[in-house]
Amino acid sequence: MAEDPPLQTTPLVEPATWGAEADPGLDWYCVRCLRGVAREYDRVYRDGRSEFEFENPEGRRFHILLFADCPGGRAVGTPTELHTWFPGHAWCYCICRGCGLQLGWWYAGECHFVGLIRSRIVSARQWRN
């Protein structure tokens, strides 16, 4: 059985130069470590929507939210268009910079964006109240 190649970090957007936890503007947090990962004002829309549900080839369903950036996440892996949910866009994994939890996927193509798994992020309004 062939061994998978090692994952490589591939930045698809300009990385933030400050620690995500230092930005008071972050509105979405990793559900595991509560590190700030994204801003509400960075939400993006495709086909008039910012939320999607998809199923991967193994049958797992994912509810994702789209963002233009994810300062608290980092890209991991070699981008691929295999089984992409957004035709013309290659994807790689997005993991939390704090604890390493997979938060979703970075996409690169005609534009760059990140799809974060809704069950793996929590809004500031939810956990601060």
N, C-alpha and C. Protein backbone atom coordinates (compact mmCIF):
# COMPACT_ATOMS: atom_id res chain seq x y z
N MET A 1 0.84 -1.17 0.00
CA MET A 1 0.00 0.00 0.00
C MET A 1 0.89 1.24 0.00
N ALA A 2 0.63 2.16 -0.91
CA ALA A 2 1.45 3.38 -1.02
C ALA A 2 1.17 4.31 0.15
N GLU A 3 2.22 4.93 0.62
CA GLU A 3 2.08 5.88 1.72
C GLU A 3 1.69 7.24 1.18
N ASP A 4 0.77 7.93 1.86
CA ASP A 4 0.37 9.27 1.45
C ASP A 4 1.54 10.23 1.61
N PRO A 5 1.68 11.21 0.69
CA PRO A 5 2.74 12.20 0.86
C PRO A 5 2.47 13.06 2.09
N PRO A 6 3.51 13.60 2.70
CA PRO A 6 3.29 14.44 3.89
C PRO A 6 2.51 15.69 3.51
N LEU A 7 1.69 16.17 4.46
CA LEU A 7 0.93 17.39 4.24
C LEU A 7 1.87 18.59 4.24
N GLN A 8 1.59 19.55 3.38
CA GLN A 8 2.39 20.76 3.30
C GLN A 8 1.50 21.95 3.58
N THR A 9 2.05 22.96 4.23
CA THR A 9 1.30 24.19 4.46
C THR A 9 1.38 25.03 3.20
N THR A 10 0.22 25.40 2.68
CA THR A 10 0.16 26.18 1.46
C THR A 10 -0.73 27.40 1.71
N PRO A 11 -0.15 28.59 1.89
CA PRO A 11 -1.00 29.75 2.14
C PRO A 11 -1.78 30.13 0.89
N LEU A 12 -3.09 30.25 1.03
CA LEU A 12 -3.94 30.63 -0.08
C LEU A 12 -4.39 32.07 0.02
N VAL A 13 -4.23 32.65 1.18
CA VAL A 13 -4.52 34.06 1.38
C VAL A 13 -3.36 34.64 2.16
N GLU A 14 -3.21 35.94 2.15
CA GLU A 14 -2.13 36.58 2.90
C GLU A 14 -2.33 36.29 4.39
N PRO A 15 -1.37 35.66 5.06
CA PRO A 15 -1.55 35.34 6.48
C PRO A 15 -1.54 36.59 7.34
N ALA A 16 -2.28 36.52 8.43
CA ALA A 16 -2.29 37.63 9.38
C ALA A 16 -0.93 37.72 10.06
N THR A 17 -0.51 38.93 10.40
CA THR A 17 0.79 39.11 11.04
C THR A 17 0.67 39.24 12.55
N TRP A 18 -0.53 39.26 13.07
CA TRP A 18 -0.75 39.38 14.52
C TRP A 18 -1.42 38.12 15.01
N GLY A 19 -1.36 37.89 16.29
CA GLY A 19 -2.04 36.73 16.86
C GLY A 19 -3.54 36.93 16.80
N ALA A 20 -4.26 35.92 16.36
CA ALA A 20 -5.71 36.04 16.22
C ALA A 20 -6.38 36.40 17.53
N GLU A 21 -5.86 35.88 18.64
CA GLU A 21 -6.49 36.16 19.92
C GLU A 21 -6.35 37.63 20.32
N ALA A 22 -5.45 38.37 19.68
CA ALA A 22 -5.23 39.78 20.02
C ALA A 22 -6.19 40.71 19.29
N ASP A 23 -6.96 40.20 18.33
CA ASP A 23 -7.85 41.04 17.53
C ASP A 23 -9.24 41.05 18.15
N PRO A 24 -9.67 42.19 18.70
CA PRO A 24 -11.00 42.24 19.31
C PRO A 24 -12.12 42.15 18.30
N GLY A 25 -11.81 42.25 16.99
CA GLY A 25 -12.83 42.19 15.96
C GLY A 25 -13.23 40.78 15.56
N LEU A 26 -12.60 39.76 16.11
CA LEU A 26 -12.95 38.39 15.74
C LEU A 26 -14.26 37.99 16.40
N ASP A 27 -15.19 37.49 15.60
CA ASP A 27 -16.53 37.16 16.07
C ASP A 27 -16.80 35.66 16.14
N TRP A 28 -15.93 34.86 15.51
CA TRP A 28 -16.11 33.41 15.47
C TRP A 28 -14.89 32.75 16.10
N TYR A 29 -15.13 31.71 16.91
CA TYR A 29 -14.09 31.07 17.71
C TYR A 29 -14.09 29.57 17.49
N CYS A 30 -12.92 28.97 17.65
CA CYS A 30 -12.78 27.52 17.60
C CYS A 30 -13.59 26.93 18.76
N VAL A 31 -14.38 25.93 18.49
CA VAL A 31 -15.22 25.33 19.52
C VAL A 31 -14.38 24.57 20.56
N ARG A 32 -13.19 24.11 20.19
CA ARG A 32 -12.35 23.35 21.12
C ARG A 32 -11.55 24.25 22.06
N CYS A 33 -10.83 25.25 21.50
CA CYS A 33 -9.91 26.03 22.34
C CYS A 33 -10.35 27.49 22.52
N LEU A 34 -11.44 27.90 21.87
CA LEU A 34 -11.98 29.26 21.93
C LEU A 34 -11.02 30.33 21.44
N ARG A 35 -10.12 29.95 20.55
CA ARG A 35 -9.25 30.93 19.89
C ARG A 35 -10.08 31.63 18.82
N GLY A 36 -9.91 32.95 18.68
CA GLY A 36 -10.60 33.68 17.63
C GLY A 36 -10.12 33.21 16.26
N VAL A 37 -11.07 32.94 15.35
CA VAL A 37 -10.67 32.45 14.04
C VAL A 37 -11.16 33.30 12.87
N ALA A 38 -12.30 33.96 12.98
CA ALA A 38 -12.85 34.69 11.83
C ALA A 38 -13.71 35.87 12.27
N ARG A 39 -13.93 36.79 11.31
CA ARG A 39 -14.75 37.98 11.55
C ARG A 39 -16.07 37.86 10.79
N GLU A 40 -17.13 38.28 11.41
CA GLU A 40 -18.44 38.26 10.75
C GLU A 40 -18.43 39.11 9.49
N TYR A 41 -17.76 40.26 9.52
CA TYR A 41 -17.77 41.12 8.33
C TYR A 41 -16.98 40.54 7.16
N ASP A 42 -16.26 39.42 7.37
CA ASP A 42 -15.56 38.74 6.28
C ASP A 42 -16.41 37.65 5.63
N ARG A 43 -17.69 37.53 6.04
CA ARG A 43 -18.56 36.54 5.40
C ARG A 43 -18.68 36.87 3.92
N VAL A 44 -18.66 35.85 3.07
CA VAL A 44 -18.79 36.04 1.64
C VAL A 44 -19.96 35.20 1.13
N TYR A 45 -20.43 35.57 -0.06
CA TYR A 45 -21.59 34.92 -0.65
C TYR A 45 -21.25 34.35 -2.03
N ARG A 46 -21.75 33.16 -2.29
CA ARG A 46 -21.67 32.54 -3.62
C ARG A 46 -23.09 32.13 -3.96
N ASP A 47 -23.49 32.48 -5.13
CA ASP A 47 -24.86 32.18 -5.55
C ASP A 47 -25.89 32.72 -4.55
N GLY A 48 -25.59 33.88 -3.96
CA GLY A 48 -26.52 34.53 -3.04
C GLY A 48 -26.59 33.94 -1.65
N ARG A 49 -25.69 33.00 -1.33
CA ARG A 49 -25.73 32.36 0.00
C ARG A 49 -24.35 32.37 0.63
N SER A 50 -24.33 32.36 1.96
CA SER A 50 -23.08 32.27 2.70
C SER A 50 -23.00 30.96 3.50
N GLU A 51 -24.08 30.19 3.47
CA GLU A 51 -24.12 28.90 4.17
C GLU A 51 -24.51 27.81 3.18
N PHE A 52 -23.82 26.67 3.30
CA PHE A 52 -24.07 25.55 2.39
C PHE A 52 -24.03 24.25 3.18
N GLU A 53 -24.68 23.23 2.65
CA GLU A 53 -24.56 21.87 3.18
C GLU A 53 -24.08 20.98 2.05
N PHE A 54 -23.05 20.19 2.36
CA PHE A 54 -22.46 19.29 1.38
C PHE A 54 -22.23 17.93 2.02
N GLU A 55 -22.06 16.93 1.17
CA GLU A 55 -21.72 15.59 1.62
C GLU A 55 -20.41 15.20 0.96
N ASN A 56 -19.49 14.65 1.76
CA ASN A 56 -18.21 14.21 1.19
C ASN A 56 -18.36 12.80 0.61
N PRO A 57 -17.34 12.30 -0.08
CA PRO A 57 -17.46 10.97 -0.71
C PRO A 57 -17.72 9.84 0.28
N GLU A 58 -17.39 10.03 1.56
CA GLU A 58 -17.65 8.99 2.58
C GLU A 58 -19.06 9.09 3.15
N GLY A 59 -19.84 10.07 2.70
CA GLY A 59 -21.21 10.21 3.17
C GLY A 59 -21.40 11.13 4.36
N ARG A 60 -20.35 11.77 4.85
CA ARG A 60 -20.47 12.72 5.97
C ARG A 60 -20.98 14.05 5.46
N ARG A 61 -21.98 14.59 6.14
CA ARG A 61 -22.56 15.88 5.76
C ARG A 61 -21.91 16.99 6.56
N PHE A 62 -21.70 18.13 5.89
CA PHE A 62 -21.09 19.30 6.53
C PHE A 62 -21.91 20.54 6.22
N HIS A 63 -22.20 21.30 7.26
CA HIS A 63 -22.83 22.61 7.13
C HIS A 63 -21.68 23.60 7.26
N ILE A 64 -21.43 24.38 6.19
CA ILE A 64 -20.30 25.30 6.23
C ILE A 64 -20.75 26.74 6.02
N LEU A 65 -19.96 27.65 6.60
CA LEU A 65 -20.13 29.10 6.44
C LEU A 65 -18.92 29.60 5.67
N LEU A 66 -19.13 30.52 4.73
CA LEU A 66 -18.04 31.03 3.90
C LEU A 66 -17.52 32.37 4.42
N PHE A 67 -16.19 32.49 4.45
CA PHE A 67 -15.51 33.71 4.88
C PHE A 67 -14.41 34.04 3.89
N ALA A 68 -14.12 35.33 3.74
CA ALA A 68 -13.02 35.76 2.87
C ALA A 68 -11.67 35.46 3.50
N ASP A 69 -11.62 35.37 4.82
CA ASP A 69 -10.36 35.17 5.52
C ASP A 69 -10.62 34.41 6.82
N CYS A 70 -9.58 33.82 7.35
CA CYS A 70 -9.65 33.10 8.62
C CYS A 70 -8.31 33.28 9.33
N PRO A 71 -8.10 34.46 9.99
CA PRO A 71 -6.81 34.73 10.63
C PRO A 71 -6.41 33.71 11.69
N GLY A 72 -7.38 33.04 12.30
CA GLY A 72 -7.07 32.06 13.32
C GLY A 72 -6.89 30.65 12.79
N GLY A 73 -6.92 30.50 11.47
CA GLY A 73 -6.73 29.19 10.86
C GLY A 73 -5.54 29.22 9.94
N ARG A 74 -5.02 28.04 9.62
CA ARG A 74 -3.93 27.98 8.66
C ARG A 74 -4.21 26.87 7.66
N ALA A 75 -3.70 27.07 6.45
CA ALA A 75 -3.88 26.10 5.37
C ALA A 75 -2.88 24.97 5.53
N VAL A 76 -3.37 23.74 5.34
CA VAL A 76 -2.52 22.55 5.44
C VAL A 76 -2.86 21.63 4.27
N GLY A 77 -1.82 21.11 3.64
CA GLY A 77 -2.01 20.16 2.56
C GLY A 77 -1.77 20.78 1.20
N THR A 78 -1.74 19.94 0.21
CA THR A 78 -1.57 20.37 -1.17
C THR A 78 -2.95 20.58 -1.78
N PRO A 79 -3.24 21.78 -2.29
CA PRO A 79 -4.56 22.03 -2.86
C PRO A 79 -4.89 21.05 -3.99
N THR A 80 -6.16 20.62 -4.03
CA THR A 80 -6.63 19.69 -5.04
C THR A 80 -8.04 20.08 -5.46
N GLU A 81 -8.40 19.75 -6.69
CA GLU A 81 -9.78 19.96 -7.15
C GLU A 81 -10.59 18.68 -7.05
N LEU A 82 -9.98 17.59 -6.57
CA LEU A 82 -10.67 16.32 -6.42
C LEU A 82 -11.84 16.47 -5.45
N HIS A 83 -13.02 16.11 -5.86
CA HIS A 83 -14.24 16.17 -5.05
C HIS A 83 -14.53 17.58 -4.51
N THR A 84 -14.12 18.62 -5.22
CA THR A 84 -14.37 19.98 -4.74
C THR A 84 -15.86 20.28 -4.74
N TRP A 85 -16.29 21.04 -3.76
CA TRP A 85 -17.69 21.46 -3.69
C TRP A 85 -17.93 22.75 -4.48
N PHE A 86 -16.84 23.40 -4.89
CA PHE A 86 -16.93 24.64 -5.64
C PHE A 86 -16.12 24.47 -6.92
N PRO A 87 -16.78 24.12 -8.03
CA PRO A 87 -16.08 23.88 -9.29
C PRO A 87 -15.14 25.03 -9.66
N GLY A 88 -13.95 24.64 -10.13
CA GLY A 88 -12.94 25.64 -10.48
C GLY A 88 -12.11 26.11 -9.30
N HIS A 89 -12.36 25.56 -8.12
CA HIS A 89 -11.62 25.94 -6.91
C HIS A 89 -10.95 24.71 -6.31
N ALA A 90 -9.66 24.80 -6.09
CA ALA A 90 -8.91 23.75 -5.39
C ALA A 90 -9.07 23.99 -3.89
N TRP A 91 -9.02 22.94 -3.12
CA TRP A 91 -9.16 23.05 -1.67
C TRP A 91 -7.99 22.39 -0.96
N CYS A 92 -7.76 22.84 0.25
CA CYS A 92 -6.89 22.16 1.21
C CYS A 92 -7.50 22.40 2.59
N TYR A 93 -6.99 21.74 3.59
CA TYR A 93 -7.58 21.83 4.93
C TYR A 93 -7.29 23.17 5.60
N CYS A 94 -8.21 23.59 6.46
CA CYS A 94 -8.02 24.76 7.32
C CYS A 94 -8.07 24.23 8.75
N ILE A 95 -6.97 24.42 9.48
CA ILE A 95 -6.94 23.96 10.87
C ILE A 95 -6.75 25.15 11.80
N CYS A 96 -7.19 25.00 13.04
CA CYS A 96 -7.05 26.05 14.05
C CYS A 96 -5.58 26.24 14.39
N ARG A 97 -5.14 27.50 14.41
CA ARG A 97 -3.76 27.81 14.79
C ARG A 97 -3.50 27.51 16.26
N GLY A 98 -4.55 27.45 17.07
CA GLY A 98 -4.38 27.20 18.49
C GLY A 98 -4.27 25.73 18.85
N CYS A 99 -5.24 24.92 18.41
CA CYS A 99 -5.28 23.53 18.87
C CYS A 99 -5.17 22.50 17.74
N GLY A 100 -5.21 22.93 16.48
CA GLY A 100 -5.06 22.00 15.38
C GLY A 100 -6.34 21.33 14.91
N LEU A 101 -7.48 21.68 15.49
CA LEU A 101 -8.75 21.11 15.05
C LEU A 101 -9.02 21.50 13.60
N GLN A 102 -9.48 20.57 12.79
CA GLN A 102 -9.86 20.93 11.43
C GLN A 102 -11.11 21.79 11.50
N LEU A 103 -10.99 23.03 11.02
CA LEU A 103 -12.11 23.97 11.03
C LEU A 103 -12.89 23.94 9.73
N GLY A 104 -12.25 23.50 8.64
CA GLY A 104 -12.91 23.49 7.35
C GLY A 104 -11.90 23.38 6.23
N TRP A 105 -12.11 24.17 5.15
CA TRP A 105 -11.29 24.06 3.96
C TRP A 105 -11.03 25.43 3.36
N TRP A 106 -9.79 25.68 2.92
CA TRP A 106 -9.44 26.86 2.14
C TRP A 106 -9.71 26.54 0.69
N TYR A 107 -10.20 27.50 -0.07
CA TYR A 107 -10.47 27.33 -1.50
C TYR A 107 -9.72 28.39 -2.29
N ALA A 108 -9.15 27.99 -3.42
CA ALA A 108 -8.44 28.92 -4.31
C ALA A 108 -8.88 28.63 -5.74
N GLY A 109 -9.19 29.69 -6.45
CA GLY A 109 -9.60 29.59 -7.84
C GLY A 109 -9.75 31.00 -8.36
N GLU A 110 -10.91 31.31 -8.94
CA GLU A 110 -11.17 32.68 -9.39
C GLU A 110 -11.13 33.66 -8.23
N CYS A 111 -11.39 33.14 -7.03
CA CYS A 111 -11.27 33.93 -5.80
C CYS A 111 -10.82 32.99 -4.68
N HIS A 112 -10.39 33.57 -3.58
CA HIS A 112 -9.94 32.79 -2.41
C HIS A 112 -10.96 32.98 -1.30
N PHE A 113 -11.28 31.89 -0.61
CA PHE A 113 -12.19 31.96 0.53
C PHE A 113 -12.00 30.71 1.37
N VAL A 114 -12.65 30.69 2.53
CA VAL A 114 -12.57 29.55 3.42
C VAL A 114 -13.99 29.14 3.79
N GLY A 115 -14.23 27.83 3.84
CA GLY A 115 -15.50 27.29 4.29
C GLY A 115 -15.28 26.67 5.66
N LEU A 116 -15.88 27.25 6.70
CA LEU A 116 -15.71 26.75 8.06
C LEU A 116 -16.90 25.90 8.47
N ILE A 117 -16.63 24.77 9.09
CA ILE A 117 -17.65 23.84 9.52
C ILE A 117 -18.40 24.45 10.70
N ARG A 118 -19.70 24.62 10.54
CA ARG A 118 -20.51 25.33 11.54
C ARG A 118 -20.41 24.70 12.93
N SER A 119 -20.36 23.40 13.02
CA SER A 119 -20.30 22.75 14.34
C SER A 119 -18.93 22.85 15.00
N ARG A 120 -17.93 23.40 14.28
CA ARG A 120 -16.58 23.52 14.85
C ARG A 120 -16.20 24.95 15.16
N ILE A 121 -17.15 25.87 14.98
CA ILE A 121 -16.93 27.26 15.35
C ILE A 121 -18.12 27.73 16.18
N VAL A 122 -17.89 28.71 17.01
CA VAL A 122 -18.95 29.26 17.84
C VAL A 122 -18.87 30.78 17.74
N SER A 123 -20.02 31.42 17.66
CA SER A 123 -20.03 32.88 17.56
C SER A 123 -19.83 33.49 18.94
N ALA A 124 -19.27 34.69 18.96
CA ALA A 124 -19.04 35.40 20.22
C ALA A 124 -20.34 35.55 20.99
N ARG A 125 -21.44 35.79 20.30
CA ARG A 125 -22.73 35.96 20.96
C ARG A 125 -23.14 34.70 21.70
N GLN A 126 -22.79 33.54 21.16
CA GLN A 126 -23.18 32.27 21.81
C GLN A 126 -22.42 31.99 23.08
N TRP A 127 -21.11 32.16 23.07
CA TRP A 127 -20.35 31.74 24.24
C TRP A 127 -20.09 32.85 25.23
N ARG A 128 -20.28 34.10 24.85
CA ARG A 128 -20.08 35.20 25.81
C ARG A 128 -21.34 35.49 26.61
N ASN A 129 -22.48 34.98 26.19
CA ASN A 129 -23.73 35.26 26.92
C ASN A 129 -24.10 34.14 27.85
